[in-house]
Amino acid sequence: MSMQETPAPPRRGRLPGSGYQRVDKPLHEEMHLRLQQRLEPTVEAAARAVADRAYGGGTLESKADRLARGYRRQFLSPTLA
């Protein structure tokens, strides 16, 4: 390694795939069906409808927020997430 080359700084934050994405995926799919069937008017409403079955600690509100964010990343444009 020459003087000009410096190692990249260590990556910060959570490692990819170490969150709830995998366990939330079935709930995202259920949310998608609920929205397609017009059982729920918004992504947030669909997330609240399934939040009681979401894995992890926290309040139902925090789980619903996480599910809505994940749904947007999976099914909608990344700029909306």
PDB file of N, CA and C in Angstrom:
ATOM      1  N   MET A   1       0.850  -1.166   0.000  1.00  0.00           N
ATOM      2  CA  MET A   1       0.000   0.000   0.000  1.00  0.00           C
ATOM      3  C   MET A   1       0.903   1.239   0.000  1.00  0.00           C
ATOM      4  N   SER A   2       0.673   2.125  -0.937  1.00  0.00           N
ATOM      5  CA  SER A   2       1.483   3.338  -1.001  1.00  0.00           C
ATOM      6  C   SER A   2       0.923   4.385  -0.050  1.00  0.00           C
ATOM      7  N   MET A   3       1.623   5.492   0.050  1.00  0.00           N
ATOM      8  CA  MET A   3       1.198   6.574   0.937  1.00  0.00           C
ATOM      9  C   MET A   3      -0.124   7.190   0.486  1.00  0.00           C
ATOM     10  N   GLN A   4      -0.434   7.095  -0.801  1.00  0.00           N
ATOM     11  CA  GLN A   4      -1.660   7.698  -1.325  1.00  0.00           C
ATOM     12  C   GLN A   4      -2.907   6.873  -0.995  1.00  0.00           C
ATOM     13  N   GLU A   5      -2.746   5.586  -0.840  1.00  0.00           N
ATOM     14  CA  GLU A   5      -3.889   4.716  -0.583  1.00  0.00           C
ATOM     15  C   GLU A   5      -4.157   4.632   0.910  1.00  0.00           C
ATOM     16  N   THR A   6      -5.373   4.908   1.282  1.00  0.00           N
ATOM     17  CA  THR A   6      -5.758   4.773   2.680  1.00  0.00           C
ATOM     18  C   THR A   6      -6.918   3.787   2.744  1.00  0.00           C
ATOM     19  N   PRO A   7      -6.952   2.995   3.779  1.00  0.00           N
ATOM     20  CA  PRO A   7      -8.061   2.044   3.875  1.00  0.00           C
ATOM     21  C   PRO A   7      -9.387   2.781   4.076  1.00  0.00           C
ATOM     22  N   ALA A   8     -10.438   2.172   3.575  1.00  0.00           N
ATOM     23  CA  ALA A   8     -11.770   2.763   3.743  1.00  0.00           C
ATOM     24  C   ALA A   8     -12.133   2.748   5.219  1.00  0.00           C
ATOM     25  N   PRO A   9     -12.834   3.770   5.671  1.00  0.00           N
ATOM     26  CA  PRO A   9     -13.254   3.773   7.074  1.00  0.00           C
ATOM     27  C   PRO A   9     -14.243   2.629   7.313  1.00  0.00           C
ATOM     28  N   PRO A  10     -14.291   2.118   8.525  1.00  0.00           N
ATOM     29  CA  PRO A  10     -15.216   1.015   8.798  1.00  0.00           C
ATOM     30  C   PRO A  10     -16.661   1.452   8.565  1.00  0.00           C
ATOM     31  N   ARG A  11     -17.468   0.530   8.094  1.00  0.00           N
ATOM     32  CA  ARG A  11     -18.876   0.808   7.838  1.00  0.00           C
ATOM     33  C   ARG A  11     -19.579   1.089   9.157  1.00  0.00           C
ATOM     34  N   ARG A  12     -20.436   2.088   9.144  1.00  0.00           N
ATOM     35  CA  ARG A  12     -21.176   2.446  10.348  1.00  0.00           C
ATOM     36  C   ARG A  12     -22.599   1.928  10.262  1.00  0.00           C
ATOM     37  N   GLY A  13     -23.206   1.703  11.395  1.00  0.00           N
ATOM     38  CA  GLY A  13     -24.612   1.317  11.448  1.00  0.00           C
ATOM     39  C   GLY A  13     -24.838  -0.180  11.404  1.00  0.00           C
ATOM     40  N   ARG A  14     -26.088  -0.507  11.328  1.00  0.00           N
ATOM     41  CA  ARG A  14     -26.520  -1.907  11.327  1.00  0.00           C
ATOM     42  C   ARG A  14     -26.093  -2.587  10.033  1.00  0.00           C
ATOM     43  N   LEU A  15     -25.684  -3.834  10.137  1.00  0.00           N
ATOM     44  CA  LEU A  15     -25.315  -4.605   8.956  1.00  0.00           C
ATOM     45  C   LEU A  15     -26.558  -4.911   8.133  1.00  0.00           C
ATOM     46  N   PRO A  16     -26.460  -4.926   6.810  1.00  0.00           N
ATOM     47  CA  PRO A  16     -27.617  -5.245   5.982  1.00  0.00           C
ATOM     48  C   PRO A  16     -28.183  -6.619   6.331  1.00  0.00           C
ATOM     49  N   GLY A  17     -29.501  -6.669   6.435  1.00  0.00           N
ATOM     50  CA  GLY A  17     -30.169  -7.935   6.732  1.00  0.00           C
ATOM     51  C   GLY A  17     -30.222  -8.305   8.197  1.00  0.00           C
ATOM     52  N   SER A  18     -29.757  -7.435   9.082  1.00  0.00           N
ATOM     53  CA  SER A  18     -29.742  -7.786  10.497  1.00  0.00           C
ATOM     54  C   SER A  18     -30.959  -7.255  11.244  1.00  0.00           C
ATOM     55  N   GLY A  19     -31.911  -6.685  10.530  1.00  0.00           N
ATOM     56  CA  GLY A  19     -33.115  -6.153  11.163  1.00  0.00           C
ATOM     57  C   GLY A  19     -34.282  -7.116  11.077  1.00  0.00           C
ATOM     58  N   TYR A  20     -35.467  -6.581  10.958  1.00  0.00           N
ATOM     59  CA  TYR A  20     -36.695  -7.372  10.967  1.00  0.00           C
ATOM     60  C   TYR A  20     -37.219  -7.664   9.558  1.00  0.00           C
ATOM     61  N   GLN A  21     -36.459  -7.356   8.509  1.00  0.00           N
ATOM     62  CA  GLN A  21     -36.961  -7.483   7.142  1.00  0.00           C
ATOM     63  C   GLN A  21     -37.519  -8.882   6.856  1.00  0.00           C
ATOM     64  N   ARG A  22     -36.790  -9.896   7.256  1.00  0.00           N
ATOM     65  CA  ARG A  22     -37.194 -11.271   6.940  1.00  0.00           C
ATOM     66  C   ARG A  22     -38.480 -11.668   7.667  1.00  0.00           C
ATOM     67  N   VAL A  23     -38.583 -11.333   8.942  1.00  0.00           N
ATOM     68  CA  VAL A  23     -39.776 -11.735   9.694  1.00  0.00           C
ATOM     69  C   VAL A  23     -40.975 -10.850   9.370  1.00  0.00           C
ATOM     70  N   ASP A  24     -40.735  -9.648   8.859  1.00  0.00           N
ATOM     71  CA  ASP A  24     -41.833  -8.745   8.495  1.00  0.00           C
ATOM     72  C   ASP A  24     -42.386  -9.027   7.106  1.00  0.00           C
ATOM     73  N   LYS A  25     -41.642  -9.735   6.274  1.00  0.00           N
ATOM     74  CA  LYS A  25     -42.053  -9.942   4.884  1.00  0.00           C
ATOM     75  C   LYS A  25     -43.462 -10.540   4.754  1.00  0.00           C
ATOM     76  N   PRO A  26     -43.836 -11.594   5.505  1.00  0.00           N
ATOM     77  CA  PRO A  26     -45.205 -12.109   5.376  1.00  0.00           C
ATOM     78  C   PRO A  26     -46.262 -11.059   5.741  1.00  0.00           C
ATOM     79  N   LEU A  27     -45.959 -10.211   6.706  1.00  0.00           N
ATOM     80  CA  LEU A  27     -46.908  -9.159   7.078  1.00  0.00           C
ATOM     81  C   LEU A  27     -46.998  -8.097   5.980  1.00  0.00           C
ATOM     82  N   HIS A  28     -45.862  -7.793   5.323  1.00  0.00           N
ATOM     83  CA  HIS A  28     -45.892  -6.857   4.198  1.00  0.00           C
ATOM     84  C   HIS A  28     -46.777  -7.414   3.084  1.00  0.00           C
ATOM     85  N   GLU A  29     -46.672  -8.719   2.838  1.00  0.00           N
ATOM     86  CA  GLU A  29     -47.494  -9.338   1.799  1.00  0.00           C
ATOM     87  C   GLU A  29     -48.967  -9.293   2.170  1.00  0.00           C
ATOM     88  N   GLU A  30     -49.272  -9.508   3.455  1.00  0.00           N
ATOM     89  CA  GLU A  30     -50.668  -9.399   3.896  1.00  0.00           C
ATOM     90  C   GLU A  30     -51.162  -7.960   3.769  1.00  0.00           C
ATOM     91  N   MET A  31     -50.308  -7.011   4.119  1.00  0.00           N
ATOM     92  CA  MET A  31     -50.679  -5.597   3.952  1.00  0.00           C
ATOM     93  C   MET A  31     -50.992  -5.304   2.493  1.00  0.00           C
ATOM     94  N   HIS A  32     -50.171  -5.843   1.602  1.00  0.00           N
ATOM     95  CA  HIS A  32     -50.366  -5.625   0.165  1.00  0.00           C
ATOM     96  C   HIS A  32     -51.732  -6.164  -0.278  1.00  0.00           C
ATOM     97  N   LEU A  33     -52.076  -7.352   0.182  1.00  0.00           N
ATOM     98  CA  LEU A  33     -53.383  -7.916  -0.155  1.00  0.00           C
ATOM     99  C   LEU A  33     -54.522  -7.069   0.397  1.00  0.00           C
ATOM    100  N   ARG A  34     -54.379  -6.620   1.631  1.00  0.00           N
ATOM    101  CA  ARG A  34     -55.422  -5.788   2.247  1.00  0.00           C
ATOM    102  C   ARG A  34     -55.613  -4.491   1.470  1.00  0.00           C
ATOM    103  N   LEU A  35     -54.520  -3.927   0.992  1.00  0.00           N
ATOM    104  CA  LEU A  35     -54.619  -2.696   0.204  1.00  0.00           C
ATOM    105  C   LEU A  35     -55.236  -2.972  -1.168  1.00  0.00           C
ATOM    106  N   GLN A  36     -54.837  -4.070  -1.805  1.00  0.00           N
ATOM    107  CA  GLN A  36     -55.401  -4.419  -3.110  1.00  0.00           C
ATOM    108  C   GLN A  36     -56.895  -4.707  -3.020  1.00  0.00           C
ATOM    109  N   GLN A  37     -57.314  -5.342  -1.947  1.00  0.00           N
ATOM    110  CA  GLN A  37     -58.723  -5.672  -1.754  1.00  0.00           C
ATOM    111  C   GLN A  37     -59.516  -4.494  -1.192  1.00  0.00           C
ATOM    112  N   ARG A  38     -58.828  -3.390  -0.995  1.00  0.00           N
ATOM    113  CA  ARG A  38     -59.435  -2.160  -0.456  1.00  0.00           C
ATOM    114  C   ARG A  38     -60.050  -2.352   0.929  1.00  0.00           C
ATOM    115  N   LEU A  39     -59.442  -3.252   1.710  1.00  0.00           N
ATOM    116  CA  LEU A  39     -59.866  -3.427   3.095  1.00  0.00           C
ATOM    117  C   LEU A  39     -59.317  -2.308   3.971  1.00  0.00           C
ATOM    118  N   GLU A  40     -58.222  -1.715   3.529  1.00  0.00           N
ATOM    119  CA  GLU A  40     -57.582  -0.611   4.253  1.00  0.00           C
ATOM    120  C   GLU A  40     -57.332   0.519   3.263  1.00  0.00           C
ATOM    121  N   PRO A  41     -57.524   1.776   3.680  1.00  0.00           N
ATOM    122  CA  PRO A  41     -57.362   2.900   2.750  1.00  0.00           C
ATOM    123  C   PRO A  41     -55.917   3.350   2.544  1.00  0.00           C
ATOM    124  N   THR A  42     -55.035   3.090   3.518  1.00  0.00           N
ATOM    125  CA  THR A  42     -53.660   3.590   3.438  1.00  0.00           C
ATOM    126  C   THR A  42     -52.677   2.529   3.904  1.00  0.00           C
ATOM    127  N   VAL A  43     -51.416   2.757   3.574  1.00  0.00           N
ATOM    128  CA  VAL A  43     -50.349   1.864   4.050  1.00  0.00           C
ATOM    129  C   VAL A  43     -50.321   1.863   5.577  1.00  0.00           C
ATOM    130  N   GLU A  44     -50.492   3.030   6.169  1.00  0.00           N
ATOM    131  CA  GLU A  44     -50.464   3.127   7.632  1.00  0.00           C
ATOM    132  C   GLU A  44     -51.593   2.322   8.265  1.00  0.00           C
ATOM    133  N   ALA A  45     -52.787   2.386   7.679  1.00  0.00           N
ATOM    134  CA  ALA A  45     -53.928   1.634   8.208  1.00  0.00           C
ATOM    135  C   ALA A  45     -53.683   0.133   8.076  1.00  0.00           C
ATOM    136  N   ALA A  46     -53.123  -0.290   6.955  1.00  0.00           N
ATOM    137  CA  ALA A  46     -52.804  -1.707   6.764  1.00  0.00           C
ATOM    138  C   ALA A  46     -51.760  -2.159   7.783  1.00  0.00           C
ATOM    139  N   ALA A  47     -50.778  -1.317   8.048  1.00  0.00           N
ATOM    140  CA  ALA A  47     -49.735  -1.649   9.026  1.00  0.00           C
ATOM    141  C   ALA A  47     -50.338  -1.778  10.425  1.00  0.00           C
ATOM    142  N   ARG A  48     -51.236  -0.868  10.783  1.00  0.00           N
ATOM    143  CA  ARG A  48     -51.885  -0.957  12.102  1.00  0.00           C
ATOM    144  C   ARG A  48     -52.721  -2.223  12.218  1.00  0.00           C
ATOM    145  N   ALA A  49     -53.315  -2.668  11.099  1.00  0.00           N
ATOM    146  CA  ALA A  49     -54.177  -3.855  11.119  1.00  0.00           C
ATOM    147  C   ALA A  49     -53.393  -5.130  11.413  1.00  0.00           C
ATOM    148  N   VAL A  50     -52.105  -5.169  11.073  1.00  0.00           N
ATOM    149  CA  VAL A  50     -51.311  -6.386  11.286  1.00  0.00           C
ATOM    150  C   VAL A  50     -50.238  -6.227  12.362  1.00  0.00           C
ATOM    151  N   ALA A  51     -50.116  -5.049  12.932  1.00  0.00           N
ATOM    152  CA  ALA A  51     -49.026  -4.764  13.878  1.00  0.00           C
ATOM    153  C   ALA A  51     -49.063  -5.644  15.120  1.00  0.00           C
ATOM    154  N   ASP A  52     -50.243  -6.109  15.509  1.00  0.00           N
ATOM    155  CA  ASP A  52     -50.321  -6.941  16.717  1.00  0.00           C
ATOM    156  C   ASP A  52     -49.645  -8.296  16.525  1.00  0.00           C
ATOM    157  N   ARG A  53     -49.356  -8.675  15.276  1.00  0.00           N
ATOM    158  CA  ARG A  53     -48.675  -9.940  14.998  1.00  0.00           C
ATOM    159  C   ARG A  53     -47.209  -9.747  14.622  1.00  0.00           C
ATOM    160  N   ALA A  54     -46.719  -8.522  14.700  1.00  0.00           N
ATOM    161  CA  ALA A  54     -45.330  -8.238  14.340  1.00  0.00           C
ATOM    162  C   ALA A  54     -44.393  -8.686  15.455  1.00  0.00           C
ATOM    163  N   TYR A  55     -43.239  -9.197  15.055  1.00  0.00           N
ATOM    164  CA  TYR A  55     -42.220  -9.673  15.988  1.00  0.00           C
ATOM    165  C   TYR A  55     -41.509  -8.487  16.635  1.00  0.00           C
ATOM    166  N   GLY A  56     -41.022  -8.695  17.829  1.00  0.00           N
ATOM    167  CA  GLY A  56     -40.157  -7.715  18.470  1.00  0.00           C
ATOM    168  C   GLY A  56     -40.844  -6.953  19.579  1.00  0.00           C
ATOM    169  N   GLY A  57     -40.016  -6.191  20.266  1.00  0.00           N
ATOM    170  CA  GLY A  57     -40.514  -5.368  21.352  1.00  0.00           C
ATOM    171  C   GLY A  57     -41.041  -4.050  20.825  1.00  0.00           C
ATOM    172  N   GLY A  58     -41.438  -3.214  21.732  1.00  0.00           N
ATOM    173  CA  GLY A  58     -41.940  -1.911  21.333  1.00  0.00           C
ATOM    174  C   GLY A  58     -43.454  -1.863  21.335  1.00  0.00           C
ATOM    175  N   THR A  59     -43.955  -0.676  21.111  1.00  0.00           N
ATOM    176  CA  THR A  59     -45.399  -0.466  21.111  1.00  0.00           C
ATOM    177  C   THR A  59     -45.993  -0.884  19.765  1.00  0.00           C
ATOM    178  N   LEU A  60     -47.302  -1.028  19.743  1.00  0.00           N
ATOM    179  CA  LEU A  60     -47.972  -1.324  18.474  1.00  0.00           C
ATOM    180  C   LEU A  60     -47.729  -0.194  17.473  1.00  0.00           C
ATOM    181  N   GLU A  61     -47.678   1.022  17.963  1.00  0.00           N
ATOM    182  CA  GLU A  61     -47.433   2.167  17.082  1.00  0.00           C
ATOM    183  C   GLU A  61     -46.046   2.083  16.434  1.00  0.00           C
ATOM    184  N   SER A  62     -45.028   1.713  17.224  1.00  0.00           N
ATOM    185  CA  SER A  62     -43.679   1.620  16.658  1.00  0.00           C
ATOM    186  C   SER A  62     -43.578   0.458  15.673  1.00  0.00           C
ATOM    187  N   LYS A  63     -44.274  -0.640  15.959  1.00  0.00           N
ATOM    188  CA  LYS A  63     -44.285  -1.764  15.022  1.00  0.00           C
ATOM    189  C   LYS A  63     -44.992  -1.376  13.728  1.00  0.00           C
ATOM    190  N   ALA A  64     -46.117  -0.664  13.848  1.00  0.00           N
ATOM    191  CA  ALA A  64     -46.852  -0.220  12.659  1.00  0.00           C
ATOM    192  C   ALA A  64     -45.986   0.724  11.823  1.00  0.00           C
ATOM    193  N   ASP A  65     -45.254   1.613  12.476  1.00  0.00           N
ATOM    194  CA  ASP A  65     -44.348   2.519  11.747  1.00  0.00           C
ATOM    195  C   ASP A  65     -43.286   1.723  11.002  1.00  0.00           C
ATOM    196  N   ARG A  66     -42.697   0.732  11.663  1.00  0.00           N
ATOM    197  CA  ARG A  66     -41.667  -0.100  11.035  1.00  0.00           C
ATOM    198  C   ARG A  66     -42.243  -0.881   9.855  1.00  0.00           C
ATOM    199  N   LEU A  67     -43.436  -1.436  10.023  1.00  0.00           N
ATOM    200  CA  LEU A  67     -44.070  -2.195   8.947  1.00  0.00           C
ATOM    201  C   LEU A  67     -44.389  -1.299   7.752  1.00  0.00           C
ATOM    202  N   ALA A  68     -44.866  -0.095   8.006  1.00  0.00           N
ATOM    203  CA  ALA A  68     -45.186   0.830   6.912  1.00  0.00           C
ATOM    204  C   ALA A  68     -43.920   1.222   6.151  1.00  0.00           C
ATOM    205  N   ARG A  69     -42.837   1.507   6.872  1.00  0.00           N
ATOM    206  CA  ARG A  69     -41.562   1.835   6.213  1.00  0.00           C
ATOM    207  C   ARG A  69     -41.076   0.671   5.363  1.00  0.00           C
ATOM    208  N   GLY A  70     -41.111  -0.525   5.931  1.00  0.00           N
ATOM    209  CA  GLY A  70     -40.659  -1.711   5.203  1.00  0.00           C
ATOM    210  C   GLY A  70     -41.527  -2.005   3.990  1.00  0.00           C
ATOM    211  N   TYR A  71     -42.823  -1.805   4.136  1.00  0.00           N
ATOM    212  CA  TYR A  71     -43.735  -2.019   3.005  1.00  0.00           C
ATOM    213  C   TYR A  71     -43.383  -1.071   1.862  1.00  0.00           C
ATOM    214  N   ARG A  72     -43.164   0.180   2.199  1.00  0.00           N
ATOM    215  CA  ARG A  72     -42.820   1.163   1.157  1.00  0.00           C
ATOM    216  C   ARG A  72     -41.513   0.787   0.465  1.00  0.00           C
ATOM    217  N   ARG A  73     -40.541   0.314   1.216  1.00  0.00           N
ATOM    218  CA  ARG A  73     -39.270  -0.103   0.606  1.00  0.00           C
ATOM    219  C   ARG A  73     -39.474  -1.298  -0.315  1.00  0.00           C
ATOM    220  N   GLN A  74     -40.345  -2.224   0.081  1.00  0.00           N
ATOM    221  CA  GLN A  74     -40.525  -3.443  -0.690  1.00  0.00           C
ATOM    222  C   GLN A  74     -41.434  -3.242  -1.906  1.00  0.00           C
ATOM    223  N   PHE A  75     -42.499  -2.465  -1.769  1.00  0.00           N
ATOM    224  CA  PHE A  75     -43.494  -2.392  -2.827  1.00  0.00           C
ATOM    225  C   PHE A  75     -43.571  -1.060  -3.553  1.00  0.00           C
ATOM    226  N   LEU A  76     -43.065   0.001  -2.962  1.00  0.00           N
ATOM    227  CA  LEU A  76     -43.172   1.317  -3.577  1.00  0.00           C
ATOM    228  C   LEU A  76     -41.798   1.872  -3.902  1.00  0.00           C
ATOM    229  N   SER A  77     -41.775   3.040  -4.462  1.00  0.00           N
ATOM    230  CA  SER A  77     -40.524   3.690  -4.847  1.00  0.00           C
ATOM    231  C   SER A  77     -39.635   3.921  -3.623  1.00  0.00           C
ATOM    232  N   PRO A  78     -38.337   3.711  -3.744  1.00  0.00           N
ATOM    233  CA  PRO A  78     -37.415   3.943  -2.618  1.00  0.00           C
ATOM    234  C   PRO A  78     -37.452   5.390  -2.121  1.00  0.00           C
ATOM    235  N   THR A  79     -37.877   6.322  -2.952  1.00  0.00           N
ATOM    236  CA  THR A  79     -37.918   7.712  -2.499  1.00  0.00           C
ATOM    237  C   THR A  79     -39.049   7.951  -1.512  1.00  0.00           C
ATOM    238  N   LEU A  80     -40.020   7.024  -1.420  1.00  0.00           N
ATOM    239  CA  LEU A  80     -41.127   7.190  -0.489  1.00  0.00           C
ATOM    240  C   LEU A  80     -40.845   6.574   0.871  1.00  0.00           C
ATOM    241  N   ALA A  81     -39.796   5.784   0.988  1.00  0.00           N
ATOM    242  CA  ALA A  81     -39.515   5.067   2.237  1.00  0.00           C
ATOM    243  C   ALA A  81     -38.914   5.932   3.280  1.00  0.00           C
TER     244      ALA A  81
END
